[in-house]
Amino acid sequence: MTASEREYQRLAAAVADWPVLIRRILDQHDATGTCRACTTPGGRMVIKAPCAPRFLAMQAQVINYERAELIGNHQ
């Protein structure tokens, strides 16, 4: 794992602490097609989904679920 990948995982782990933020990002950033949240109306740049914010939120959601399973298994 590269240094950049480690930093990205640290960021996803930090975002995992905020499930409301995860939900908001997932709600606002499209899963398929063109990301409406990242593409400026009338803009030349079109961002294909899943965009970077959605991908980060998906990674954070996985971490959040894994943490919940660990806690549940140790109760």
N, C-alpha and C. Protein backbone atom coordinates (compact mmCIF):
# COMPACT_ATOMS: atom_id res chain seq x y z
N MET A 1 0.84 -1.18 0.00
CA MET A 1 0.00 0.00 0.00
C MET A 1 0.89 1.24 0.00
N THR A 2 0.59 2.17 -0.90
CA THR A 2 1.39 3.38 -0.99
C THR A 2 1.03 4.36 0.12
N ALA A 3 1.85 5.37 0.28
CA ALA A 3 1.59 6.40 1.28
C ALA A 3 0.26 7.11 0.98
N SER A 4 -0.01 7.36 -0.28
CA SER A 4 -1.28 8.01 -0.67
C SER A 4 -2.48 7.14 -0.31
N GLU A 5 -2.34 5.85 -0.55
CA GLU A 5 -3.43 4.93 -0.22
C GLU A 5 -3.67 4.86 1.28
N ARG A 6 -2.58 4.90 2.05
CA ARG A 6 -2.72 4.90 3.51
C ARG A 6 -3.42 6.16 3.99
N GLU A 7 -3.06 7.29 3.41
CA GLU A 7 -3.70 8.56 3.78
C GLU A 7 -5.18 8.56 3.41
N TYR A 8 -5.50 7.99 2.25
CA TYR A 8 -6.89 7.90 1.82
C TYR A 8 -7.68 7.03 2.79
N GLN A 9 -7.11 5.92 3.23
CA GLN A 9 -7.77 5.05 4.19
C GLN A 9 -7.97 5.76 5.53
N ARG A 10 -7.00 6.57 5.92
CA ARG A 10 -7.15 7.35 7.16
C ARG A 10 -8.29 8.34 7.03
N LEU A 11 -8.40 8.98 5.86
CA LEU A 11 -9.50 9.92 5.62
C LEU A 11 -10.84 9.19 5.66
N ALA A 12 -10.93 8.05 4.99
CA ALA A 12 -12.17 7.28 5.00
C ALA A 12 -12.53 6.85 6.42
N ALA A 13 -11.55 6.47 7.22
CA ALA A 13 -11.80 6.08 8.61
C ALA A 13 -12.31 7.26 9.42
N ALA A 14 -11.79 8.45 9.15
CA ALA A 14 -12.27 9.64 9.86
C ALA A 14 -13.71 9.97 9.46
N VAL A 15 -14.01 9.88 8.17
CA VAL A 15 -15.37 10.15 7.70
C VAL A 15 -16.34 9.10 8.26
N ALA A 16 -15.86 7.89 8.48
CA ALA A 16 -16.71 6.81 9.01
C ALA A 16 -17.30 7.15 10.37
N ASP A 17 -16.69 8.09 11.08
CA ASP A 17 -17.20 8.51 12.39
C ASP A 17 -18.47 9.36 12.28
N TRP A 18 -18.81 9.79 11.06
CA TRP A 18 -19.97 10.66 10.85
C TRP A 18 -20.98 10.03 9.89
N PRO A 19 -21.81 9.11 10.38
CA PRO A 19 -22.77 8.44 9.50
C PRO A 19 -23.76 9.39 8.83
N VAL A 20 -24.08 10.49 9.47
CA VAL A 20 -24.99 11.47 8.84
C VAL A 20 -24.31 12.11 7.63
N LEU A 21 -23.04 12.40 7.74
CA LEU A 21 -22.29 12.95 6.62
C LEU A 21 -22.21 11.93 5.48
N ILE A 22 -21.96 10.68 5.82
CA ILE A 22 -21.90 9.63 4.81
C ILE A 22 -23.22 9.59 4.05
N ARG A 23 -24.33 9.56 4.77
CA ARG A 23 -25.66 9.49 4.15
C ARG A 23 -25.89 10.69 3.25
N ARG A 24 -25.51 11.88 3.73
CA ARG A 24 -25.72 13.10 2.94
C ARG A 24 -24.92 13.06 1.63
N ILE A 25 -23.67 12.64 1.71
CA ILE A 25 -22.84 12.54 0.50
C ILE A 25 -23.45 11.52 -0.46
N LEU A 26 -23.85 10.36 0.05
CA LEU A 26 -24.42 9.34 -0.80
C LEU A 26 -25.73 9.80 -1.44
N ASP A 27 -26.52 10.57 -0.70
CA ASP A 27 -27.79 11.09 -1.23
C ASP A 27 -27.57 12.13 -2.32
N GLN A 28 -26.53 12.95 -2.18
CA GLN A 28 -26.32 14.06 -3.10
C GLN A 28 -25.47 13.70 -4.32
N HIS A 29 -24.67 12.66 -4.24
CA HIS A 29 -23.77 12.30 -5.33
C HIS A 29 -24.24 11.00 -5.96
N ASP A 30 -24.58 11.06 -7.23
CA ASP A 30 -25.20 9.94 -7.95
C ASP A 30 -24.30 8.72 -8.02
N ALA A 31 -24.94 7.54 -8.02
CA ALA A 31 -24.22 6.27 -8.09
C ALA A 31 -23.85 5.91 -9.52
N THR A 32 -24.65 6.32 -10.48
CA THR A 32 -24.40 5.98 -11.88
C THR A 32 -24.65 7.19 -12.76
N GLY A 33 -24.15 7.11 -13.98
CA GLY A 33 -24.37 8.20 -14.95
C GLY A 33 -23.47 9.37 -14.68
N THR A 34 -24.07 10.55 -14.63
CA THR A 34 -23.34 11.78 -14.38
C THR A 34 -23.67 12.28 -12.99
N CYS A 35 -22.66 12.63 -12.22
CA CYS A 35 -22.89 13.13 -10.86
C CYS A 35 -23.42 14.56 -10.94
N ARG A 36 -24.66 14.74 -10.54
CA ARG A 36 -25.27 16.08 -10.58
C ARG A 36 -24.63 17.03 -9.56
N ALA A 37 -24.17 16.49 -8.44
CA ALA A 37 -23.59 17.34 -7.41
C ALA A 37 -22.22 17.88 -7.81
N CYS A 38 -21.48 17.11 -8.60
CA CYS A 38 -20.12 17.51 -8.98
C CYS A 38 -20.06 18.24 -10.33
N THR A 39 -21.09 18.08 -11.14
CA THR A 39 -21.11 18.70 -12.46
C THR A 39 -21.82 20.04 -12.37
N THR A 40 -21.13 21.10 -12.72
CA THR A 40 -21.71 22.43 -12.69
C THR A 40 -22.69 22.58 -13.84
N PRO A 41 -23.92 23.03 -13.57
CA PRO A 41 -24.87 23.23 -14.67
C PRO A 41 -24.28 24.17 -15.73
N GLY A 42 -24.34 23.75 -16.97
CA GLY A 42 -23.79 24.55 -18.05
C GLY A 42 -22.28 24.46 -18.18
N GLY A 43 -21.66 23.71 -17.27
CA GLY A 43 -20.20 23.59 -17.29
C GLY A 43 -19.73 22.64 -18.36
N ARG A 44 -18.49 22.79 -18.72
CA ARG A 44 -17.91 21.93 -19.75
C ARG A 44 -17.46 20.59 -19.17
N MET A 45 -17.09 20.58 -17.91
CA MET A 45 -16.59 19.35 -17.30
C MET A 45 -17.77 18.53 -16.76
N VAL A 46 -17.83 17.30 -17.18
CA VAL A 46 -18.85 16.38 -16.71
C VAL A 46 -18.15 15.33 -15.86
N ILE A 47 -18.65 15.14 -14.66
CA ILE A 47 -18.06 14.18 -13.73
C ILE A 47 -18.92 12.91 -13.75
N LYS A 48 -18.29 11.82 -14.12
CA LYS A 48 -18.99 10.54 -14.16
C LYS A 48 -19.11 9.97 -12.76
N ALA A 49 -20.23 9.31 -12.52
CA ALA A 49 -20.47 8.68 -11.24
C ALA A 49 -19.93 7.24 -11.26
N PRO A 50 -19.47 6.72 -10.16
CA PRO A 50 -19.37 7.39 -8.88
C PRO A 50 -18.18 8.34 -8.84
N CYS A 51 -18.44 9.52 -8.33
CA CYS A 51 -17.41 10.56 -8.22
C CYS A 51 -16.53 10.29 -6.99
N ALA A 52 -15.50 11.09 -6.84
CA ALA A 52 -14.57 10.91 -5.71
C ALA A 52 -15.26 11.06 -4.35
N PRO A 53 -16.13 12.08 -4.14
CA PRO A 53 -16.79 12.17 -2.84
C PRO A 53 -17.68 10.95 -2.54
N ARG A 54 -18.39 10.46 -3.56
CA ARG A 54 -19.24 9.28 -3.34
C ARG A 54 -18.39 8.05 -3.04
N PHE A 55 -17.30 7.88 -3.76
CA PHE A 55 -16.42 6.74 -3.53
C PHE A 55 -15.86 6.78 -2.11
N LEU A 56 -15.46 7.95 -1.66
CA LEU A 56 -14.97 8.11 -0.29
C LEU A 56 -16.06 7.75 0.72
N ALA A 57 -17.27 8.23 0.48
CA ALA A 57 -18.38 7.92 1.39
C ALA A 57 -18.69 6.43 1.41
N MET A 58 -18.58 5.78 0.26
CA MET A 58 -18.81 4.33 0.21
C MET A 58 -17.75 3.59 1.01
N GLN A 59 -16.50 4.03 0.90
CA GLN A 59 -15.42 3.41 1.68
C GLN A 59 -15.66 3.64 3.18
N ALA A 60 -16.06 4.85 3.54
CA ALA A 60 -16.33 5.17 4.94
C ALA A 60 -17.50 4.34 5.47
N GLN A 61 -18.50 4.11 4.63
CA GLN A 61 -19.65 3.31 5.04
C GLN A 61 -19.23 1.86 5.33
N VAL A 62 -18.36 1.32 4.52
CA VAL A 62 -17.85 -0.04 4.75
C VAL A 62 -17.11 -0.09 6.09
N ILE A 63 -16.27 0.89 6.35
CA ILE A 63 -15.54 0.94 7.61
C ILE A 63 -16.51 1.05 8.78
N ASN A 64 -17.53 1.88 8.63
CA ASN A 64 -18.55 2.06 9.66
C ASN A 64 -19.25 0.74 9.96
N TYR A 65 -19.65 0.00 8.91
CA TYR A 65 -20.30 -1.30 9.09
C TYR A 65 -19.36 -2.30 9.76
N GLU A 66 -18.10 -2.31 9.34
CA GLU A 66 -17.14 -3.24 9.93
C GLU A 66 -16.94 -2.95 11.41
N ARG A 67 -16.89 -1.68 11.76
CA ARG A 67 -16.76 -1.31 13.19
C ARG A 67 -17.98 -1.77 13.96
N ALA A 68 -19.17 -1.59 13.41
CA ALA A 68 -20.39 -1.98 14.08
C ALA A 68 -20.43 -3.50 14.30
N GLU A 69 -19.97 -4.26 13.32
CA GLU A 69 -19.93 -5.71 13.45
C GLU A 69 -18.96 -6.12 14.55
N LEU A 70 -17.82 -5.46 14.63
CA LEU A 70 -16.85 -5.78 15.68
C LEU A 70 -17.42 -5.51 17.06
N ILE A 71 -18.09 -4.39 17.20
CA ILE A 71 -18.69 -4.04 18.49
C ILE A 71 -19.80 -5.03 18.82
N GLY A 72 -20.61 -5.35 17.82
CA GLY A 72 -21.71 -6.30 18.04
C GLY A 72 -21.23 -7.67 18.40
N ASN A 73 -20.10 -8.08 17.85
CA ASN A 73 -19.57 -9.41 18.12
C ASN A 73 -18.93 -9.51 19.49
N HIS A 74 -18.60 -8.37 20.11
CA HIS A 74 -17.93 -8.39 21.39
C HIS A 74 -18.83 -8.02 22.55
N GLN A 75 -20.12 -7.88 22.29
CA GLN A 75 -21.03 -7.52 23.39
C GLN A 75 -21.51 -8.73 24.12
